[in-house]
Amino acid sequence: MNKSGLFWILFTILIVAIGAVLALFILTRTSVPFTELYFYEPESLPSELRLDQEGSFTFVVINHENKPMEYEYTVVQESHIGTQTSEEILSSASFSLESGDYETFSLNFELAESIEKSQVIVSVADQEIYFWVNSSEQ
């Protein structure tokens, strides 16, 4: 057998092996179901508010669970005054999403009086996202 024939045999074996590995990877790949939760336009989240000023934010929930899902969200404002902490539920609701669908929620809020800073926490399906807001002088 000459060198050219050996080259083509080895080249064919290599191509078949690469194709087999790619086929195994594609065919055995399983998707892990999950729920996606994030702030829409996180760069526009309020970081400082006056007591008489209203802040707003938007969050998105996407169902990647591969089945219809029932969800409940809760938005809590956790206010910090010195070493004291208090919580206020700003909003909560239940909603349904088909697999692959999403829902967008927009909320407005104000800071409680006499606070130094607040943490706004969004909870959905055992996940939390949050941002901090500082109180500014009027």
C-alpha atoms as a PDB file:
ATOM      1  CA  MET A   1       0.000   0.000   0.000  1.00  0.00           C
ATOM      2  CA  ASN A   2       1.376   3.386  -0.901  1.00  0.00           C
ATOM      3  CA  LYS A   3       1.488   6.492   1.305  1.00  0.00           C
ATOM      4  CA  SER A   4      -1.410   8.162  -0.508  1.00  0.00           C
ATOM      5  CA  GLY A   5      -3.742   5.200   0.088  1.00  0.00           C
ATOM      6  CA  LEU A   6      -2.772   5.037   3.782  1.00  0.00           C
ATOM      7  CA  PHE A   7      -3.381   8.784   4.135  1.00  0.00           C
ATOM      8  CA  TRP A   8      -6.931   8.476   2.753  1.00  0.00           C
ATOM      9  CA  ILE A   9      -7.731   5.494   4.969  1.00  0.00           C
ATOM     10  CA  LEU A  10      -6.549   7.369   8.089  1.00  0.00           C
ATOM     11  CA  PHE A  11      -8.330  10.537   6.971  1.00  0.00           C
ATOM     12  CA  THR A  12     -11.611   8.610   6.497  1.00  0.00           C
ATOM     13  CA  ILE A  13     -11.275   6.964   9.920  1.00  0.00           C
ATOM     14  CA  LEU A  14     -10.660  10.383  11.488  1.00  0.00           C
ATOM     15  CA  ILE A  15     -13.732  11.919   9.814  1.00  0.00           C
ATOM     16  CA  VAL A  16     -15.934   8.973  10.860  1.00  0.00           C
ATOM     17  CA  ALA A  17     -14.642   9.218  14.460  1.00  0.00           C
ATOM     18  CA  ILE A  18     -15.317  12.977  14.622  1.00  0.00           C
ATOM     19  CA  GLY A  19     -18.810  12.417  13.182  1.00  0.00           C
ATOM     20  CA  ALA A  20     -19.506   9.678  15.752  1.00  0.00           C
ATOM     21  CA  VAL A  21     -18.406  11.895  18.656  1.00  0.00           C
ATOM     22  CA  LEU A  22     -20.550  14.786  17.397  1.00  0.00           C
ATOM     23  CA  ALA A  23     -23.560  12.492  16.923  1.00  0.00           C
ATOM     24  CA  LEU A  24     -23.167  11.123  20.460  1.00  0.00           C
ATOM     25  CA  PHE A  25     -22.912  14.631  21.864  1.00  0.00           C
ATOM     26  CA  ILE A  26     -25.992  15.881  20.022  1.00  0.00           C
ATOM     27  CA  LEU A  27     -28.163  12.793  20.573  1.00  0.00           C
ATOM     28  CA  THR A  28     -27.368  12.284  24.268  1.00  0.00           C
ATOM     29  CA  ARG A  29     -27.590  15.914  25.255  1.00  0.00           C
ATOM     30  CA  THR A  30     -30.380  16.505  27.770  1.00  0.00           C
ATOM     31  CA  SER A  31     -31.761  19.867  28.703  1.00  0.00           C
ATOM     32  CA  VAL A  32     -31.989  20.724  32.378  1.00  0.00           C
ATOM     33  CA  PRO A  33     -35.311  22.412  33.175  1.00  0.00           C
ATOM     34  CA  PHE A  34     -35.079  25.793  34.897  1.00  0.00           C
ATOM     35  CA  THR A  35     -36.842  29.105  35.473  1.00  0.00           C
ATOM     36  CA  GLU A  36     -35.097  32.301  34.414  1.00  0.00           C
ATOM     37  CA  LEU A  37     -35.495  35.427  36.575  1.00  0.00           C
ATOM     38  CA  TYR A  38     -33.775  38.732  35.841  1.00  0.00           C
ATOM     39  CA  PHE A  39     -34.157  42.508  35.987  1.00  0.00           C
ATOM     40  CA  TYR A  40     -35.021  44.101  32.660  1.00  0.00           C
ATOM     41  CA  GLU A  41     -32.507  46.888  31.972  1.00  0.00           C
ATOM     42  CA  PRO A  42     -30.549  46.441  35.229  1.00  0.00           C
ATOM     43  CA  GLU A  43     -28.519  49.564  34.457  1.00  0.00           C
ATOM     44  CA  SER A  44     -31.668  51.639  35.036  1.00  0.00           C
ATOM     45  CA  LEU A  45     -32.426  50.263  38.519  1.00  0.00           C
ATOM     46  CA  PRO A  46     -32.768  53.118  41.027  1.00  0.00           C
ATOM     47  CA  SER A  47     -29.785  53.413  43.357  1.00  0.00           C
ATOM     48  CA  GLU A  48     -30.768  56.581  45.207  1.00  0.00           C
ATOM     49  CA  LEU A  49     -34.190  58.102  45.948  1.00  0.00           C
ATOM     50  CA  ARG A  50     -35.572  60.987  47.981  1.00  0.00           C
ATOM     51  CA  LEU A  51     -38.361  60.182  50.419  1.00  0.00           C
ATOM     52  CA  ASP A  52     -40.968  61.840  48.172  1.00  0.00           C
ATOM     53  CA  GLN A  53     -39.613  60.264  44.971  1.00  0.00           C
ATOM     54  CA  GLU A  54     -41.039  57.146  43.325  1.00  0.00           C
ATOM     55  CA  GLY A  55     -38.718  54.446  42.005  1.00  0.00           C
ATOM     56  CA  SER A  56     -39.594  51.817  39.438  1.00  0.00           C
ATOM     57  CA  PHE A  57     -38.160  48.597  38.060  1.00  0.00           C
ATOM     58  CA  THR A  58     -39.120  45.727  35.787  1.00  0.00           C
ATOM     59  CA  PHE A  59     -38.361  42.039  36.122  1.00  0.00           C
ATOM     60  CA  VAL A  60     -38.891  39.109  33.769  1.00  0.00           C
ATOM     61  CA  VAL A  61     -39.716  35.441  34.422  1.00  0.00           C
ATOM     62  CA  ILE A  62     -39.167  32.867  31.649  1.00  0.00           C
ATOM     63  CA  ASN A  63     -40.356  29.254  31.866  1.00  0.00           C
ATOM     64  CA  HIS A  64     -37.688  26.810  30.633  1.00  0.00           C
ATOM     65  CA  GLU A  65     -39.174  23.920  32.650  1.00  0.00           C
ATOM     66  CA  ASN A  66     -40.375  22.045  29.523  1.00  0.00           C
ATOM     67  CA  LYS A  67     -43.940  22.009  30.896  1.00  0.00           C
ATOM     68  CA  PRO A  68     -46.611  24.541  31.946  1.00  0.00           C
ATOM     69  CA  MET A  69     -45.832  26.019  35.375  1.00  0.00           C
ATOM     70  CA  GLU A  70     -47.689  27.862  38.120  1.00  0.00           C
ATOM     71  CA  TYR A  71     -45.566  30.590  39.729  1.00  0.00           C
ATOM     72  CA  GLU A  72     -45.877  33.027  42.570  1.00  0.00           C
ATOM     73  CA  TYR A  73     -43.722  36.113  42.937  1.00  0.00           C
ATOM     74  CA  THR A  74     -43.133  38.264  45.996  1.00  0.00           C
ATOM     75  CA  VAL A  75     -41.408  41.647  46.081  1.00  0.00           C
ATOM     76  CA  VAL A  76     -40.177  42.753  49.500  1.00  0.00           C
ATOM     77  CA  GLN A  77     -38.612  46.054  50.538  1.00  0.00           C
ATOM     78  CA  GLU A  78     -36.191  45.408  53.381  1.00  0.00           C
ATOM     79  CA  SER A  79     -35.421  48.753  55.053  1.00  0.00           C
ATOM     80  CA  HIS A  80     -32.333  49.361  57.164  1.00  0.00           C
ATOM     81  CA  ILE A  81     -32.258  52.028  59.873  1.00  0.00           C
ATOM     82  CA  GLY A  82     -29.011  51.734  61.782  1.00  0.00           C
ATOM     83  CA  THR A  83     -28.958  48.169  63.077  1.00  0.00           C
ATOM     84  CA  GLN A  84     -32.763  47.787  62.755  1.00  0.00           C
ATOM     85  CA  THR A  85     -34.328  46.010  59.778  1.00  0.00           C
ATOM     86  CA  SER A  86     -37.972  45.984  58.726  1.00  0.00           C
ATOM     87  CA  GLU A  87     -39.739  44.325  55.813  1.00  0.00           C
ATOM     88  CA  GLU A  88     -42.691  45.444  53.733  1.00  0.00           C
ATOM     89  CA  ILE A  89     -44.298  43.381  50.969  1.00  0.00           C
ATOM     90  CA  LEU A  90     -44.570  45.660  47.949  1.00  0.00           C
ATOM     91  CA  SER A  91     -46.345  43.190  45.694  1.00  0.00           C
ATOM     92  CA  SER A  92     -47.154  39.516  45.265  1.00  0.00           C
ATOM     93  CA  ALA A  93     -49.135  37.564  42.705  1.00  0.00           C
ATOM     94  CA  SER A  94     -49.635  34.151  41.158  1.00  0.00           C
ATOM     95  CA  PHE A  95     -49.368  33.526  37.427  1.00  0.00           C
ATOM     96  CA  SER A  96     -49.083  30.683  34.907  1.00  0.00           C
ATOM     97  CA  LEU A  97     -46.633  30.266  32.059  1.00  0.00           C
ATOM     98  CA  GLU A  98     -46.553  27.740  29.242  1.00  0.00           C
ATOM     99  CA  SER A  99     -43.166  26.208  28.467  1.00  0.00           C
ATOM    100  CA  GLY A 100     -41.019  28.771  26.645  1.00  0.00           C
ATOM    101  CA  ASP A 101     -43.285  31.717  27.555  1.00  0.00           C
ATOM    102  CA  TYR A 102     -42.352  34.735  29.646  1.00  0.00           C
ATOM    103  CA  GLU A 103     -44.036  37.401  31.733  1.00  0.00           C
ATOM    104  CA  THR A 104     -42.807  40.922  32.444  1.00  0.00           C
ATOM    105  CA  PHE A 105     -43.737  42.762  35.649  1.00  0.00           C
ATOM    106  CA  SER A 106     -43.234  46.485  36.327  1.00  0.00           C
ATOM    107  CA  LEU A 107     -43.485  47.918  39.828  1.00  0.00           C
ATOM    108  CA  ASN A 108     -43.308  51.359  41.420  1.00  0.00           C
ATOM    109  CA  PHE A 109     -42.278  51.936  45.020  1.00  0.00           C
ATOM    110  CA  GLU A 110     -41.295  54.628  47.498  1.00  0.00           C
ATOM    111  CA  LEU A 111     -38.822  54.515  50.353  1.00  0.00           C
ATOM    112  CA  ALA A 112     -40.171  54.274  53.864  1.00  0.00           C
ATOM    113  CA  GLU A 113     -39.536  57.357  56.004  1.00  0.00           C
ATOM    114  CA  SER A 114     -36.255  57.771  57.890  1.00  0.00           C
ATOM    115  CA  ILE A 115     -34.316  54.947  56.314  1.00  0.00           C
ATOM    116  CA  GLU A 116     -30.662  54.847  55.354  1.00  0.00           C
ATOM    117  CA  LYS A 117     -30.962  52.210  52.650  1.00  0.00           C
ATOM    118  CA  SER A 118     -33.379  49.597  51.338  1.00  0.00           C
ATOM    119  CA  GLN A 119     -32.936  46.291  49.625  1.00  0.00           C
ATOM    120  CA  VAL A 120     -35.660  45.434  47.111  1.00  0.00           C
ATOM    121  CA  ILE A 121     -35.901  41.638  46.777  1.00  0.00           C
ATOM    122  CA  VAL A 122     -37.814  39.759  44.064  1.00  0.00           C
ATOM    123  CA  SER A 123     -38.510  36.066  44.782  1.00  0.00           C
ATOM    124  CA  VAL A 124     -39.812  33.544  42.236  1.00  0.00           C
ATOM    125  CA  ALA A 125     -39.528  29.732  42.251  1.00  0.00           C
ATOM    126  CA  ASP A 126     -36.873  29.540  45.001  1.00  0.00           C
ATOM    127  CA  GLN A 127     -34.780  32.224  43.283  1.00  0.00           C
ATOM    128  CA  GLU A 128     -34.034  35.755  44.443  1.00  0.00           C
ATOM    129  CA  ILE A 129     -32.705  38.827  42.744  1.00  0.00           C
ATOM    130  CA  TYR A 130     -32.263  42.172  44.478  1.00  0.00           C
ATOM    131  CA  PHE A 131     -30.880  45.674  44.340  1.00  0.00           C
ATOM    132  CA  TRP A 132     -30.023  48.328  46.945  1.00  0.00           C
ATOM    133  CA  VAL A 133     -31.467  51.847  47.140  1.00  0.00           C
ATOM    134  CA  ASN A 134     -29.961  54.583  49.292  1.00  0.00           C
ATOM    135  CA  SER A 135     -31.955  57.447  50.734  1.00  0.00           C
ATOM    136  CA  SER A 136     -30.798  60.857  49.531  1.00  0.00           C
ATOM    137  CA  GLU A 137     -31.304  64.262  51.119  1.00  0.00           C
ATOM    138  CA  GLN A 138     -34.143  66.310  49.685  1.00  0.00           C
END
